[in-house]
Amino acid sequence: MSGLITAGGLCAWEAPQALGVTPASSELAIIIAGLCVGYGARLGNGCTSGHGVCGISRWSVRSFAATGAFMATAGVTVYLVRHCLGGS
């Protein structure tokens, strides 16, 4: 865990463009986003790639449902950000 935090911090400090960090991004927002991702992975009993690659290849019904939910959520998010909020 500490290695992930340290590596992310070093990358954000040395090459913020690699993480999509802009001067308008705050450290607090990045920390909160990371915690949300960790909570979501725990809540979903695995991460998106784990369900998508390993779970589906094992024909896990839970992984099929989780991957479908991830993809649907991603599609709705992209639509809202690009078409409703005017993002690029």
N, C-alpha and C. Protein backbone atom coordinates (compact mmCIF):
# COMPACT_ATOMS: atom_id res chain seq x y z
N MET A 1 0.83 -1.19 0.00
CA MET A 1 0.00 0.00 0.00
C MET A 1 0.87 1.25 0.00
N SER A 2 1.87 1.28 0.87
CA SER A 2 2.71 2.47 0.92
C SER A 2 3.49 2.65 -0.38
N GLY A 3 3.83 1.56 -1.04
CA GLY A 3 4.52 1.65 -2.32
C GLY A 3 3.66 2.30 -3.39
N LEU A 4 2.37 1.97 -3.41
CA LEU A 4 1.46 2.59 -4.38
C LEU A 4 1.33 4.09 -4.13
N ILE A 5 1.21 4.46 -2.88
CA ILE A 5 1.08 5.88 -2.54
C ILE A 5 2.37 6.63 -2.87
N THR A 6 3.51 6.05 -2.52
CA THR A 6 4.79 6.69 -2.79
C THR A 6 5.03 6.82 -4.29
N ALA A 7 4.78 5.76 -5.04
CA ALA A 7 5.00 5.81 -6.49
C ALA A 7 4.09 6.83 -7.15
N GLY A 8 2.83 6.87 -6.76
CA GLY A 8 1.90 7.85 -7.31
C GLY A 8 2.30 9.27 -6.97
N GLY A 9 2.75 9.48 -5.74
CA GLY A 9 3.20 10.81 -5.32
C GLY A 9 4.43 11.26 -6.09
N LEU A 10 5.39 10.34 -6.25
CA LEU A 10 6.59 10.68 -7.01
C LEU A 10 6.28 10.97 -8.47
N CYS A 11 5.40 10.20 -9.05
CA CYS A 11 5.02 10.42 -10.44
C CYS A 11 4.29 11.76 -10.60
N ALA A 12 3.41 12.07 -9.67
CA ALA A 12 2.68 13.34 -9.72
C ALA A 12 3.63 14.52 -9.54
N TRP A 13 4.67 14.33 -8.76
CA TRP A 13 5.63 15.40 -8.50
C TRP A 13 6.58 15.60 -9.68
N GLU A 14 7.08 14.49 -10.22
CA GLU A 14 8.07 14.54 -11.30
C GLU A 14 7.45 14.75 -12.68
N ALA A 15 6.35 14.08 -12.96
CA ALA A 15 5.73 14.14 -14.30
C ALA A 15 4.21 14.21 -14.15
N PRO A 16 3.69 15.34 -13.68
CA PRO A 16 2.24 15.43 -13.45
C PRO A 16 1.41 15.21 -14.71
N GLN A 17 1.96 15.54 -15.88
CA GLN A 17 1.21 15.34 -17.12
C GLN A 17 0.96 13.86 -17.38
N ALA A 18 1.78 12.97 -16.85
CA ALA A 18 1.60 11.53 -17.04
C ALA A 18 0.34 11.03 -16.33
N LEU A 19 -0.05 11.71 -15.27
CA LEU A 19 -1.24 11.31 -14.51
C LEU A 19 -2.44 12.18 -14.84
N GLY A 20 -2.27 13.12 -15.74
CA GLY A 20 -3.37 14.01 -16.07
C GLY A 20 -3.59 15.06 -15.01
N VAL A 21 -2.57 15.29 -14.18
CA VAL A 21 -2.68 16.28 -13.12
C VAL A 21 -2.44 17.66 -13.73
N THR A 22 -3.37 18.54 -13.52
CA THR A 22 -3.23 19.90 -14.01
C THR A 22 -3.02 20.83 -12.82
N PRO A 23 -2.55 22.02 -13.06
CA PRO A 23 -2.37 22.95 -11.94
C PRO A 23 -3.66 23.19 -11.17
N ALA A 24 -4.81 23.02 -11.82
CA ALA A 24 -6.10 23.23 -11.14
C ALA A 24 -6.46 22.06 -10.23
N SER A 25 -5.81 20.90 -10.41
CA SER A 25 -6.10 19.73 -9.58
C SER A 25 -5.48 19.93 -8.20
N SER A 26 -6.23 19.62 -7.19
CA SER A 26 -5.68 19.73 -5.84
C SER A 26 -5.24 18.36 -5.35
N GLU A 27 -4.31 18.38 -4.44
CA GLU A 27 -3.84 17.13 -3.85
C GLU A 27 -4.97 16.43 -3.11
N LEU A 28 -5.83 17.21 -2.47
CA LEU A 28 -6.95 16.63 -1.75
C LEU A 28 -7.90 15.89 -2.69
N ALA A 29 -8.17 16.48 -3.86
CA ALA A 29 -9.05 15.83 -4.83
C ALA A 29 -8.44 14.52 -5.32
N ILE A 30 -7.14 14.51 -5.53
CA ILE A 30 -6.47 13.29 -5.99
C ILE A 30 -6.50 12.21 -4.91
N ILE A 31 -6.30 12.60 -3.67
CA ILE A 31 -6.35 11.64 -2.55
C ILE A 31 -7.76 11.06 -2.41
N ILE A 32 -8.76 11.93 -2.49
CA ILE A 32 -10.15 11.46 -2.37
C ILE A 32 -10.49 10.52 -3.52
N ALA A 33 -10.05 10.84 -4.74
CA ALA A 33 -10.30 9.97 -5.88
C ALA A 33 -9.65 8.60 -5.68
N GLY A 34 -8.44 8.58 -5.18
CA GLY A 34 -7.75 7.31 -4.91
C GLY A 34 -8.47 6.48 -3.86
N LEU A 35 -8.96 7.13 -2.82
CA LEU A 35 -9.70 6.41 -1.78
C LEU A 35 -11.01 5.86 -2.34
N CYS A 36 -11.66 6.61 -3.21
CA CYS A 36 -12.91 6.13 -3.83
C CYS A 36 -12.64 4.89 -4.69
N VAL A 37 -11.55 4.91 -5.43
CA VAL A 37 -11.20 3.75 -6.26
C VAL A 37 -10.94 2.53 -5.38
N GLY A 38 -10.18 2.71 -4.31
CA GLY A 38 -9.90 1.60 -3.39
C GLY A 38 -11.16 1.07 -2.74
N TYR A 39 -12.05 1.96 -2.32
CA TYR A 39 -13.31 1.54 -1.71
C TYR A 39 -14.17 0.77 -2.72
N GLY A 40 -14.20 1.28 -3.96
CA GLY A 40 -14.99 0.61 -5.00
C GLY A 40 -14.47 -0.77 -5.32
N ALA A 41 -13.14 -0.92 -5.35
CA ALA A 41 -12.56 -2.24 -5.61
C ALA A 41 -12.90 -3.21 -4.48
N ARG A 42 -12.88 -2.72 -3.26
CA ARG A 42 -13.23 -3.57 -2.12
C ARG A 42 -14.72 -3.92 -2.15
N LEU A 43 -15.54 -2.93 -2.44
CA LEU A 43 -16.98 -3.13 -2.48
C LEU A 43 -17.37 -4.10 -3.60
N GLY A 44 -16.67 -4.02 -4.74
CA GLY A 44 -16.97 -4.88 -5.88
C GLY A 44 -16.26 -6.22 -5.86
N ASN A 45 -15.59 -6.54 -4.75
CA ASN A 45 -14.84 -7.80 -4.62
C ASN A 45 -13.80 -7.97 -5.72
N GLY A 46 -13.14 -6.89 -6.09
CA GLY A 46 -12.08 -6.95 -7.10
C GLY A 46 -12.09 -5.70 -7.95
N CYS A 47 -11.00 -5.51 -8.66
CA CYS A 47 -10.90 -4.32 -9.51
C CYS A 47 -11.50 -4.60 -10.88
N THR A 48 -11.62 -3.55 -11.68
CA THR A 48 -12.24 -3.68 -12.99
C THR A 48 -11.46 -4.64 -13.88
N SER A 49 -10.15 -4.53 -13.88
CA SER A 49 -9.37 -5.43 -14.75
C SER A 49 -9.39 -6.86 -14.23
N GLY A 50 -9.44 -7.02 -12.92
CA GLY A 50 -9.52 -8.37 -12.36
C GLY A 50 -10.80 -9.07 -12.77
N HIS A 51 -11.92 -8.36 -12.67
CA HIS A 51 -13.19 -8.94 -13.10
C HIS A 51 -13.21 -9.12 -14.61
N GLY A 52 -12.75 -8.10 -15.34
CA GLY A 52 -12.83 -8.13 -16.80
C GLY A 52 -11.94 -9.17 -17.44
N VAL A 53 -10.74 -9.36 -16.93
CA VAL A 53 -9.80 -10.29 -17.55
C VAL A 53 -9.88 -11.68 -16.92
N CYS A 54 -9.68 -11.73 -15.62
CA CYS A 54 -9.63 -13.04 -14.95
C CYS A 54 -11.01 -13.62 -14.69
N GLY A 55 -11.93 -12.79 -14.23
CA GLY A 55 -13.26 -13.29 -13.88
C GLY A 55 -14.05 -13.78 -15.08
N ILE A 56 -14.03 -13.00 -16.15
CA ILE A 56 -14.78 -13.40 -17.35
C ILE A 56 -14.15 -14.64 -17.98
N SER A 57 -12.81 -14.73 -17.96
CA SER A 57 -12.17 -15.92 -18.54
C SER A 57 -12.48 -17.19 -17.74
N ARG A 58 -12.86 -17.01 -16.47
CA ARG A 58 -13.28 -18.15 -15.65
C ARG A 58 -14.79 -18.38 -15.70
N TRP A 59 -15.49 -17.59 -16.50
CA TRP A 59 -16.94 -17.65 -16.65
C TRP A 59 -17.66 -17.37 -15.33
N SER A 60 -17.12 -16.44 -14.55
CA SER A 60 -17.75 -16.07 -13.29
C SER A 60 -18.95 -15.16 -13.56
N VAL A 61 -20.12 -15.58 -13.10
CA VAL A 61 -21.33 -14.79 -13.31
C VAL A 61 -21.19 -13.43 -12.62
N ARG A 62 -20.60 -13.41 -11.44
CA ARG A 62 -20.39 -12.16 -10.72
C ARG A 62 -19.51 -11.22 -11.52
N SER A 63 -18.48 -11.74 -12.17
CA SER A 63 -17.58 -10.90 -12.97
C SER A 63 -18.26 -10.38 -14.23
N PHE A 64 -19.12 -11.19 -14.84
CA PHE A 64 -19.88 -10.70 -15.99
C PHE A 64 -20.77 -9.53 -15.56
N ALA A 65 -21.45 -9.67 -14.43
CA ALA A 65 -22.32 -8.61 -13.94
C ALA A 65 -21.51 -7.37 -13.56
N ALA A 66 -20.40 -7.57 -12.87
CA ALA A 66 -19.57 -6.44 -12.45
C ALA A 66 -18.99 -5.70 -13.65
N THR A 67 -18.49 -6.44 -14.64
CA THR A 67 -17.91 -5.81 -15.83
C THR A 67 -18.97 -5.06 -16.62
N GLY A 68 -20.15 -5.63 -16.72
CA GLY A 68 -21.25 -4.92 -17.38
C GLY A 68 -21.61 -3.63 -16.66
N ALA A 69 -21.62 -3.68 -15.33
CA ALA A 69 -21.92 -2.48 -14.54
C ALA A 69 -20.82 -1.44 -14.71
N PHE A 70 -19.55 -1.88 -14.72
CA PHE A 70 -18.44 -0.94 -14.92
C PHE A 70 -18.54 -0.26 -16.27
N MET A 71 -18.81 -1.03 -17.31
CA MET A 71 -18.87 -0.48 -18.66
C MET A 71 -20.07 0.45 -18.83
N ALA A 72 -21.20 0.09 -18.26
CA ALA A 72 -22.38 0.95 -18.34
C ALA A 72 -22.14 2.27 -17.60
N THR A 73 -21.54 2.19 -16.43
CA THR A 73 -21.22 3.40 -15.66
C THR A 73 -20.24 4.27 -16.42
N ALA A 74 -19.23 3.67 -17.03
CA ALA A 74 -18.25 4.44 -17.81
C ALA A 74 -18.92 5.13 -18.99
N GLY A 75 -19.80 4.43 -19.67
CA GLY A 75 -20.51 5.03 -20.80
C GLY A 75 -21.37 6.20 -20.39
N VAL A 76 -22.10 6.06 -19.30
CA VAL A 76 -22.95 7.15 -18.80
C VAL A 76 -22.08 8.33 -18.37
N THR A 77 -20.97 8.06 -17.71
CA THR A 77 -20.07 9.13 -17.26
C THR A 77 -19.51 9.91 -18.44
N VAL A 78 -19.04 9.20 -19.46
CA VAL A 78 -18.50 9.87 -20.64
C VAL A 78 -19.58 10.72 -21.30
N TYR A 79 -20.78 10.19 -21.43
CA TYR A 79 -21.87 10.95 -22.03
C TYR A 79 -22.16 12.22 -21.24
N LEU A 80 -22.28 12.09 -19.93
CA LEU A 80 -22.59 13.25 -19.10
C LEU A 80 -21.50 14.31 -19.17
N VAL A 81 -20.24 13.88 -19.07
CA VAL A 81 -19.13 14.83 -19.08
C VAL A 81 -19.00 15.51 -20.44
N ARG A 82 -19.12 14.77 -21.50
CA ARG A 82 -18.91 15.34 -22.83
C ARG A 82 -20.10 16.11 -23.38
N HIS A 83 -21.30 15.64 -23.09
CA HIS A 83 -22.47 16.24 -23.72
C HIS A 83 -23.29 17.12 -22.79
N CYS A 84 -23.27 16.84 -21.52
CA CYS A 84 -24.09 17.63 -20.61
C CYS A 84 -23.27 18.70 -19.85
N LEU A 85 -22.01 18.39 -19.57
CA LEU A 85 -21.17 19.34 -18.85
C LEU A 85 -20.24 20.12 -19.77
N GLY A 86 -20.22 19.77 -21.06
CA GLY A 86 -19.42 20.51 -22.01
C GLY A 86 -17.94 20.22 -21.96
N GLY A 87 -17.54 19.08 -21.43
CA GLY A 87 -16.13 18.72 -21.39
C GLY A 87 -15.60 18.33 -22.76
N SER A 88 -14.29 18.24 -22.84
CA SER A 88 -13.70 17.89 -24.15
C SER A 88 -13.36 16.43 -24.24
